[in-house]
N, C-alpha and C. Protein backbone atom coordinates (compact mmCIF):
# COMPACT_ATOMS: atom_id res chain seq x y z
N MET A 1 20.86 12.86 -171.93
CA MET A 1 21.87 13.80 -171.49
C MET A 1 21.94 14.95 -172.49
N ALA A 2 22.07 16.14 -171.98
CA ALA A 2 22.11 17.32 -172.84
C ALA A 2 23.41 17.37 -173.64
N LYS A 3 23.27 17.89 -174.88
CA LYS A 3 24.45 18.00 -175.72
C LYS A 3 25.20 19.30 -175.47
N ARG A 4 24.53 20.23 -174.81
CA ARG A 4 25.18 21.50 -174.49
C ARG A 4 24.93 21.83 -173.02
N THR A 5 25.84 22.55 -172.47
CA THR A 5 25.69 23.01 -171.09
C THR A 5 25.93 24.50 -171.08
N THR A 6 25.32 25.17 -170.14
CA THR A 6 25.47 26.63 -170.10
C THR A 6 26.45 27.03 -169.02
N ARG A 7 27.21 28.02 -169.34
CA ARG A 7 28.14 28.63 -168.39
C ARG A 7 27.85 30.12 -168.35
N LYS A 8 28.55 30.83 -167.53
CA LYS A 8 28.34 32.27 -167.44
C LYS A 8 28.65 32.96 -168.77
N GLY A 9 29.67 32.45 -169.48
CA GLY A 9 30.08 33.07 -170.73
C GLY A 9 29.25 32.66 -171.93
N GLY A 10 28.49 31.58 -171.86
CA GLY A 10 27.70 31.12 -172.99
C GLY A 10 27.50 29.61 -172.92
N THR A 11 27.24 29.02 -174.07
CA THR A 11 27.02 27.58 -174.09
C THR A 11 28.29 26.87 -174.52
N VAL A 12 28.50 25.69 -173.97
CA VAL A 12 29.68 24.88 -174.27
C VAL A 12 29.18 23.51 -174.70
N THR A 13 29.72 23.03 -175.83
CA THR A 13 29.34 21.70 -176.30
C THR A 13 30.07 20.66 -175.47
N ARG A 14 29.33 19.66 -175.02
CA ARG A 14 29.93 18.58 -174.23
C ARG A 14 30.58 17.57 -175.16
N GLN A 15 31.70 17.06 -174.72
CA GLN A 15 32.37 16.01 -175.49
C GLN A 15 32.81 14.94 -174.51
N GLY A 16 32.34 13.74 -174.72
CA GLY A 16 32.68 12.66 -173.82
C GLY A 16 33.58 11.64 -174.51
N ARG A 17 34.25 10.84 -173.73
CA ARG A 17 35.05 9.76 -174.29
C ARG A 17 34.98 8.58 -173.36
N ARG A 18 35.13 7.40 -173.93
CA ARG A 18 35.13 6.20 -173.12
C ARG A 18 36.58 5.86 -172.77
N VAL A 19 36.78 5.49 -171.56
CA VAL A 19 38.11 5.11 -171.11
C VAL A 19 38.32 3.64 -171.42
N MET A 20 39.47 3.33 -172.05
CA MET A 20 39.78 1.94 -172.39
C MET A 20 40.16 1.20 -171.12
N PRO A 21 39.69 -0.02 -170.95
CA PRO A 21 40.07 -0.79 -169.76
C PRO A 21 41.58 -0.95 -169.66
N ALA A 22 42.09 -0.95 -168.44
CA ALA A 22 43.54 -0.97 -168.21
C ALA A 22 44.20 -2.22 -168.78
N MET A 23 43.55 -3.39 -168.67
CA MET A 23 44.15 -4.62 -169.17
C MET A 23 44.34 -4.57 -170.68
N ARG A 24 43.33 -4.09 -171.39
CA ARG A 24 43.42 -4.02 -172.84
C ARG A 24 44.45 -2.99 -173.26
N ARG A 25 44.52 -1.88 -172.54
CA ARG A 25 45.48 -0.82 -172.84
C ARG A 25 46.90 -1.34 -172.66
N THR A 26 47.15 -2.08 -171.57
CA THR A 26 48.48 -2.64 -171.30
C THR A 26 48.85 -3.67 -172.35
N ALA A 27 47.90 -4.49 -172.74
CA ALA A 27 48.17 -5.52 -173.74
C ALA A 27 48.50 -4.90 -175.09
N GLN A 28 47.83 -3.80 -175.44
CA GLN A 28 48.12 -3.14 -176.71
C GLN A 28 49.53 -2.58 -176.72
N ARG A 29 49.93 -1.95 -175.62
CA ARG A 29 51.30 -1.42 -175.55
C ARG A 29 52.33 -2.53 -175.65
N ALA A 30 52.10 -3.61 -174.92
CA ALA A 30 53.03 -4.74 -174.93
C ALA A 30 53.11 -5.36 -176.32
N ARG A 31 51.97 -5.48 -176.98
CA ARG A 31 51.95 -6.05 -178.31
C ARG A 31 52.72 -5.18 -179.30
N ALA A 32 52.60 -3.86 -179.17
CA ALA A 32 53.32 -2.96 -180.06
C ALA A 32 54.82 -3.08 -179.85
N VAL A 33 55.25 -3.20 -178.60
CA VAL A 33 56.68 -3.36 -178.31
C VAL A 33 57.18 -4.70 -178.83
N ALA A 34 56.39 -5.75 -178.63
CA ALA A 34 56.79 -7.09 -179.07
C ALA A 34 56.89 -7.17 -180.59
N GLU A 35 56.01 -6.47 -181.29
CA GLU A 35 56.06 -6.50 -182.75
C GLU A 35 57.31 -5.81 -183.28
N LYS A 36 57.80 -4.82 -182.59
CA LYS A 36 59.02 -4.13 -183.02
C LYS A 36 60.25 -5.02 -182.85
N ALA A 37 60.25 -5.85 -181.82
CA ALA A 37 61.44 -6.62 -181.49
C ALA A 37 61.66 -7.82 -182.40
N HIS A 38 60.62 -8.54 -182.79
CA HIS A 38 60.72 -9.75 -183.62
C HIS A 38 61.68 -10.77 -183.02
N LEU A 39 61.42 -11.20 -181.81
CA LEU A 39 62.23 -12.22 -181.15
C LEU A 39 61.63 -13.60 -181.37
N THR A 40 62.49 -14.60 -181.47
CA THR A 40 62.01 -15.97 -181.55
C THR A 40 61.96 -16.54 -180.13
N VAL A 41 61.25 -17.64 -179.97
CA VAL A 41 61.14 -18.28 -178.66
C VAL A 41 62.53 -18.76 -178.22
N GLY A 42 63.31 -19.26 -179.15
CA GLY A 42 64.67 -19.72 -178.82
C GLY A 42 65.55 -18.60 -178.29
N GLU A 43 65.43 -17.41 -178.89
CA GLU A 43 66.22 -16.26 -178.41
C GLU A 43 65.79 -15.85 -177.01
N ILE A 44 64.49 -15.91 -176.74
CA ILE A 44 63.99 -15.54 -175.42
C ILE A 44 64.49 -16.54 -174.37
N ILE A 45 64.44 -17.83 -174.70
CA ILE A 45 64.91 -18.85 -173.76
C ILE A 45 66.42 -18.73 -173.54
N ALA A 46 67.16 -18.46 -174.61
CA ALA A 46 68.61 -18.29 -174.48
C ALA A 46 68.95 -17.08 -173.60
N ALA A 47 68.20 -16.00 -173.76
CA ALA A 47 68.42 -14.82 -172.92
C ALA A 47 68.10 -15.12 -171.46
N ALA A 48 67.06 -15.91 -171.22
CA ALA A 48 66.70 -16.28 -169.85
C ALA A 48 67.80 -17.13 -169.23
N PHE A 49 68.39 -18.05 -170.00
CA PHE A 49 69.50 -18.85 -169.49
C PHE A 49 70.71 -17.97 -169.18
N ASP A 50 70.98 -17.00 -170.03
CA ASP A 50 72.11 -16.10 -169.80
C ASP A 50 71.94 -15.30 -168.51
N THR A 51 70.73 -14.79 -168.29
CA THR A 51 70.51 -13.95 -167.11
C THR A 51 70.44 -14.75 -165.82
N SER A 52 70.02 -16.03 -165.90
CA SER A 52 69.89 -16.81 -164.68
C SER A 52 71.13 -17.63 -164.36
N GLY A 53 72.11 -17.63 -165.22
CA GLY A 53 73.33 -18.39 -164.97
C GLY A 53 73.17 -19.87 -165.25
N GLY A 54 72.22 -20.25 -166.07
CA GLY A 54 72.06 -21.65 -166.46
C GLY A 54 71.21 -22.48 -165.52
N GLU A 55 70.61 -21.89 -164.52
CA GLU A 55 69.74 -22.61 -163.58
C GLU A 55 68.37 -22.82 -164.21
N LEU A 56 67.98 -24.08 -164.42
CA LEU A 56 66.74 -24.40 -165.10
C LEU A 56 65.51 -23.88 -164.35
N GLY A 57 65.52 -24.00 -163.03
CA GLY A 57 64.38 -23.53 -162.24
C GLY A 57 64.17 -22.03 -162.36
N GLU A 58 65.26 -21.29 -162.36
CA GLU A 58 65.16 -19.83 -162.49
C GLU A 58 64.71 -19.43 -163.88
N VAL A 59 65.17 -20.18 -164.88
CA VAL A 59 64.74 -19.90 -166.26
C VAL A 59 63.24 -20.09 -166.38
N MET A 60 62.74 -21.20 -165.84
CA MET A 60 61.31 -21.47 -165.90
C MET A 60 60.52 -20.38 -165.17
N ALA A 61 61.03 -19.94 -164.03
CA ALA A 61 60.34 -18.89 -163.27
C ALA A 61 60.31 -17.58 -164.06
N GLN A 62 61.41 -17.27 -164.73
CA GLN A 62 61.45 -16.03 -165.53
C GLN A 62 60.48 -16.09 -166.69
N LEU A 63 60.45 -17.22 -167.39
CA LEU A 63 59.60 -17.32 -168.57
C LEU A 63 58.12 -17.37 -168.22
N ARG A 64 57.78 -17.88 -167.04
CA ARG A 64 56.38 -17.97 -166.62
C ARG A 64 55.90 -16.71 -165.92
N SER A 65 56.79 -15.77 -165.65
CA SER A 65 56.43 -14.60 -164.85
C SER A 65 55.43 -13.70 -165.58
N PRO A 66 54.59 -13.01 -164.81
CA PRO A 66 53.64 -12.07 -165.42
C PRO A 66 54.35 -10.90 -166.11
N GLN A 67 55.53 -10.54 -165.62
CA GLN A 67 56.28 -9.45 -166.25
C GLN A 67 56.72 -9.83 -167.65
N MET A 68 57.14 -11.09 -167.83
CA MET A 68 57.55 -11.56 -169.16
C MET A 68 56.33 -11.59 -170.09
N SER A 69 55.20 -12.05 -169.59
CA SER A 69 53.98 -12.08 -170.40
C SER A 69 53.59 -10.68 -170.83
N ARG A 70 53.70 -9.74 -169.90
CA ARG A 70 53.35 -8.36 -170.20
C ARG A 70 54.32 -7.76 -171.22
N ALA A 71 55.61 -8.06 -171.08
CA ALA A 71 56.62 -7.51 -171.98
C ALA A 71 56.47 -8.05 -173.40
N LEU A 72 56.12 -9.32 -173.51
CA LEU A 72 55.99 -9.94 -174.83
C LEU A 72 54.60 -9.77 -175.44
N GLY A 73 53.63 -9.54 -174.59
CA GLY A 73 52.25 -9.48 -175.07
C GLY A 73 51.66 -10.85 -175.29
N ARG A 74 52.36 -11.90 -174.86
CA ARG A 74 51.90 -13.28 -174.99
C ARG A 74 52.36 -14.06 -173.78
N ARG A 75 51.72 -15.20 -173.55
CA ARG A 75 52.14 -16.09 -172.45
C ARG A 75 52.98 -17.21 -173.01
N ILE A 76 54.05 -17.56 -172.32
CA ILE A 76 54.87 -18.70 -172.68
C ILE A 76 54.54 -19.80 -171.68
N ILE A 77 54.11 -20.95 -172.19
CA ILE A 77 53.75 -22.07 -171.33
C ILE A 77 54.75 -23.18 -171.57
N LEU A 78 55.50 -23.53 -170.54
CA LEU A 78 56.49 -24.60 -170.62
C LEU A 78 56.14 -25.66 -169.60
N GLU A 79 56.31 -26.91 -169.98
CA GLU A 79 56.07 -28.01 -169.06
C GLU A 79 57.40 -28.65 -168.70
N GLY A 80 57.54 -28.98 -167.44
CA GLY A 80 58.76 -29.65 -167.08
C GLY A 80 59.16 -29.43 -165.65
């Protein structure tokens, strides 16, 4: 591939860039946000109980959701 291209006004140096895959880009953003927060697993579970009104099934659904994984930059795996 040529390093320069010609236009009517003269030559222009080409500059290319690689696009970062969307999954890696999303994970980097989520990781940066999660590092700022410094939440413990206990705090996250307590917040899930507060928002769901104490329903265990809803808490489990919230913690396993892809949105929670994306927000934290990690997956929480609970058995039960």
